[in-house]
Every structure is written in C-alpha cells, then in structure tokens.
Amino acid sequence: QVQLVESGGDLVQVGGSLRLACTASGFTFNGYFISWYRQAPEKERELVARINPSGVNADYADSVKGRFTISRDNAMRTVYLQMNSLKSEDTAVYLCNVPRRNLWGRGTQVTVSS
C-alpha cells in the first residue's frame, strides 16, 4: 500500500523540542524529494522544509531556518523533522508530502504552549 505515516507530534512548551518522523511504504522512497508542510487553523498550508533524494540538500521556510532540521534515512524509508526552540506560532498539523506523486500523509499535531 502506497502511504506516508507521520508520528511524533505532541504538546510541548515554548522553547522545547520535538522530532517528527514520516515513514513511507509502497514506492521507491529514495528516488523522491520529500517535503514537510504544516497547516494551522484558518491559515494556508505552508511548506516548512524539503529534502532531496540523497539527503544532501535541503530547503527551509524563513520562519523555521536555524531552528528546524530535515533529514532522511533511506534504509528506514523515513524522513525526520527536528524542531528546536519551538514557538507558539509553530502550532499546526504537520504533514509529509511526496510532490511528484501528489502523496500526502494524514498529519501529526504539534501544539506549542506558553
């Protein structure tokens, strides 16, 4: 079955850290760019970060640069999003995406509490 499954979302305090994971199945994982998006209530879906197939190159939204790090383990078919120095405005559902396949996971909720 072709799917993406996110995990790792939680309730955390401002300044805290979380690591999200996105595990893929059903397709050749190491051939694709993988992106993390987030969707906050009443806001447009925002591209947070993306990583190339080898994991060497990554891009970030300005709002998370220096705080978030995307990485991947192709052997484990998993992409990670390490989130540090979390802010209340990081609160959102975080979703994993494979752009070339238009494939989305269901998301994982991150809530940053002050």
C-alpha atoms as a PDB file:
ATOM      1  CA  GLN A   1       0.000   0.000   0.000  1.00  0.00           C
ATOM      2  CA  VAL A   2       1.353   3.416  -1.014  1.00  0.00           C
ATOM      3  CA  GLN A   3       1.273   5.648   2.044  1.00  0.00           C
ATOM      4  CA  LEU A   4       3.022   8.105   4.323  1.00  0.00           C
ATOM      5  CA  VAL A   5       2.557   7.923   8.073  1.00  0.00           C
ATOM      6  CA  GLU A   6       3.623  10.788  10.324  1.00  0.00           C
ATOM      7  CA  SER A   7       4.387  10.475  14.013  1.00  0.00           C
ATOM      8  CA  GLY A   8       5.991  12.360  16.868  1.00  0.00           C
ATOM      9  CA  GLY A   9       3.572  15.227  17.349  1.00  0.00           C
ATOM     10  CA  ASP A  10       2.898  16.277  20.919  1.00  0.00           C
ATOM     11  CA  LEU A  11       2.140  19.101  23.320  1.00  0.00           C
ATOM     12  CA  VAL A  12       5.341  20.946  24.210  1.00  0.00           C
ATOM     13  CA  GLN A  13       6.217  24.210  25.929  1.00  0.00           C
ATOM     14  CA  VAL A  14       7.683  27.244  24.210  1.00  0.00           C
ATOM     15  CA  GLY A  15      11.405  26.729  23.751  1.00  0.00           C
ATOM     16  CA  GLY A  16      11.090  22.973  23.695  1.00  0.00           C
ATOM     17  CA  SER A  17      11.973  20.434  21.010  1.00  0.00           C
ATOM     18  CA  LEU A  18      10.267  17.661  19.086  1.00  0.00           C
ATOM     19  CA  ARG A  19      11.308  15.240  16.385  1.00  0.00           C
ATOM     20  CA  LEU A  20       8.721  14.251  13.814  1.00  0.00           C
ATOM     21  CA  ALA A  21       9.016  11.189  11.608  1.00  0.00           C
ATOM     22  CA  CYS A  22       7.416  10.331   8.272  1.00  0.00           C
ATOM     23  CA  THR A  23       7.617   6.682   7.251  1.00  0.00           C
ATOM     24  CA  ALA A  24       6.839   5.640   3.689  1.00  0.00           C
ATOM     25  CA  SER A  25       5.696   2.403   2.153  1.00  0.00           C
ATOM     26  CA  GLY A  26       4.626   1.111  -1.233  1.00  0.00           C
ATOM     27  CA  PHE A  27       7.022   3.032  -3.515  1.00  0.00           C
ATOM     28  CA  THR A  28      10.739   3.581  -4.208  1.00  0.00           C
ATOM     29  CA  PHE A  29      11.362   6.011  -1.368  1.00  0.00           C
ATOM     30  CA  ASN A  30      14.941   7.006  -2.190  1.00  0.00           C
ATOM     31  CA  GLY A  31      14.001   8.351  -5.614  1.00  0.00           C
ATOM     32  CA  TYR A  32      11.943  11.290  -4.429  1.00  0.00           C
ATOM     33  CA  PHE A  33      12.126  14.702  -2.846  1.00  0.00           C
ATOM     34  CA  ILE A  34      10.165  14.681   0.422  1.00  0.00           C
ATOM     35  CA  SER A  35       8.550  17.761   1.952  1.00  0.00           C
ATOM     36  CA  TRP A  36       7.135  18.717   5.317  1.00  0.00           C
ATOM     37  CA  TYR A  37       4.185  21.104   5.333  1.00  0.00           C
ATOM     38  CA  ARG A  38       2.139  22.495   8.179  1.00  0.00           C
ATOM     39  CA  GLN A  39      -1.470  23.586   8.428  1.00  0.00           C
ATOM     40  CA  ALA A  40      -2.591  25.875  11.224  1.00  0.00           C
ATOM     41  CA  PRO A  41      -6.263  26.738  11.845  1.00  0.00           C
ATOM     42  CA  GLU A  42      -7.526  29.439   9.466  1.00  0.00           C
ATOM     43  CA  LYS A  43      -4.152  29.669   7.743  1.00  0.00           C
ATOM     44  CA  GLU A  44      -2.888  28.470   4.387  1.00  0.00           C
ATOM     45  CA  ARG A  45      -0.851  25.307   4.212  1.00  0.00           C
ATOM     46  CA  GLU A  46       2.827  26.262   4.468  1.00  0.00           C
ATOM     47  CA  LEU A  47       5.891  24.490   3.092  1.00  0.00           C
ATOM     48  CA  VAL A  48       8.245  24.058   6.043  1.00  0.00           C
ATOM     49  CA  ALA A  49      11.162  22.101   4.597  1.00  0.00           C
ATOM     50  CA  ARG A  50      12.099  19.712   1.831  1.00  0.00           C
ATOM     51  CA  ILE A  51      14.973  17.356   1.198  1.00  0.00           C
ATOM     52  CA  ASN A  52      16.409  15.873  -1.964  1.00  0.00           C
ATOM     53  CA  PRO A  53      16.552  12.117  -2.622  1.00  0.00           C
ATOM     54  CA  SER A  54      20.112  11.636  -1.364  1.00  0.00           C
ATOM     55  CA  GLY A  55      19.560  13.780   1.722  1.00  0.00           C
ATOM     56  CA  VAL A  56      22.467  16.094   0.878  1.00  0.00           C
ATOM     57  CA  ASN A  57      20.413  19.208   0.080  1.00  0.00           C
ATOM     58  CA  ALA A  58      17.555  20.778   1.989  1.00  0.00           C
ATOM     59  CA  ASP A  59      15.484  23.971   1.850  1.00  0.00           C
ATOM     60  CA  TYR A  60      13.609  25.700   4.649  1.00  0.00           C
ATOM     61  CA  ALA A  61      10.943  28.312   5.112  1.00  0.00           C
ATOM     62  CA  ASP A  62      12.356  31.548   6.503  1.00  0.00           C
ATOM     63  CA  SER A  63      10.158  31.127   9.560  1.00  0.00           C
ATOM     64  CA  VAL A  64      11.972  27.943  10.642  1.00  0.00           C
ATOM     65  CA  LYS A  65      15.536  28.473   9.399  1.00  0.00           C
ATOM     66  CA  GLY A  66      18.065  27.867  12.119  1.00  0.00           C
ATOM     67  CA  ARG A  67      15.523  26.069  14.309  1.00  0.00           C
ATOM     68  CA  PHE A  68      14.318  23.089  12.228  1.00  0.00           C
ATOM     69  CA  THR A  69      16.390  20.417  10.514  1.00  0.00           C
ATOM     70  CA  ILE A  70      15.095  17.937   7.949  1.00  0.00           C
ATOM     71  CA  SER A  71      16.925  14.662   7.391  1.00  0.00           C
ATOM     72  CA  ARG A  72      16.247  11.244   5.941  1.00  0.00           C
ATOM     73  CA  ASP A  73      17.229   7.633   6.388  1.00  0.00           C
ATOM     74  CA  ASN A  74      16.591   5.912   3.081  1.00  0.00           C
ATOM     75  CA  ALA A  75      17.270   2.474   4.530  1.00  0.00           C
ATOM     76  CA  MET A  76      14.495   3.070   7.063  1.00  0.00           C
ATOM     77  CA  ARG A  77      12.274   4.819   4.480  1.00  0.00           C
ATOM     78  CA  THR A  78      11.851   7.664   6.925  1.00  0.00           C
ATOM     79  CA  VAL A  79      12.198  11.450   6.846  1.00  0.00           C
ATOM     80  CA  TYR A  80      12.653  13.353  10.088  1.00  0.00           C
ATOM     81  CA  LEU A  81      11.969  16.924  11.131  1.00  0.00           C
ATOM     82  CA  GLN A  82      13.914  18.013  14.187  1.00  0.00           C
ATOM     83  CA  MET A  83      12.255  21.088  15.657  1.00  0.00           C
ATOM     84  CA  ASN A  84      14.087  23.143  18.271  1.00  0.00           C
ATOM     85  CA  SER A  85      13.337  26.440  20.022  1.00  0.00           C
ATOM     86  CA  LEU A  86       9.655  25.948  19.353  1.00  0.00           C
ATOM     87  CA  LYS A  87       7.355  28.950  19.334  1.00  0.00           C
ATOM     88  CA  SER A  88       3.610  29.186  19.807  1.00  0.00           C
ATOM     89  CA  GLU A  89       3.270  30.061  16.120  1.00  0.00           C
ATOM     90  CA  ASP A  90       4.682  26.623  15.243  1.00  0.00           C
ATOM     91  CA  THR A  91       1.427  25.082  16.448  1.00  0.00           C
ATOM     92  CA  ALA A  92      -0.099  23.208  13.497  1.00  0.00           C
ATOM     93  CA  VAL A  93      -0.769  19.853  11.933  1.00  0.00           C
ATOM     94  CA  TYR A  94       2.451  18.750  10.248  1.00  0.00           C
ATOM     95  CA  LEU A  95       2.099  16.753   7.056  1.00  0.00           C
ATOM     96  CA  CYS A  96       4.527  14.793   4.941  1.00  0.00           C
ATOM     97  CA  ASN A  97       4.363  15.071   1.148  1.00  0.00           C
ATOM     98  CA  VAL A  98       5.902  13.490  -1.943  1.00  0.00           C
ATOM     99  CA  PRO A  99       5.379  16.192  -4.577  1.00  0.00           C
ATOM    100  CA  ARG A 100       5.970  14.056  -7.672  1.00  0.00           C
ATOM    101  CA  ARG A 101       3.373  11.545  -6.566  1.00  0.00           C
ATOM    102  CA  ASN A 102       0.991  14.089  -5.020  1.00  0.00           C
ATOM    103  CA  LEU A 103       1.054  11.829  -1.969  1.00  0.00           C
ATOM    104  CA  TRP A 104       0.155  13.132   1.495  1.00  0.00           C
ATOM    105  CA  GLY A 105       0.110  11.663   4.956  1.00  0.00           C
ATOM    106  CA  ARG A 106      -2.673  12.361   7.436  1.00  0.00           C
ATOM    107  CA  GLY A 107      -0.525  14.560   9.618  1.00  0.00           C
ATOM    108  CA  THR A 108       0.573  14.792  13.224  1.00  0.00           C
ATOM    109  CA  GLN A 109      -0.485  17.533  15.648  1.00  0.00           C
ATOM    110  CA  VAL A 110       2.142  19.794  17.205  1.00  0.00           C
ATOM    111  CA  THR A 111       0.939  22.143  19.923  1.00  0.00           C
ATOM    112  CA  VAL A 112       3.326  24.626  21.490  1.00  0.00           C
ATOM    113  CA  SER A 113       2.053  26.013  24.763  1.00  0.00           C
ATOM    114  CA  SER A 114       3.172  29.152  26.526  1.00  0.00           C
END
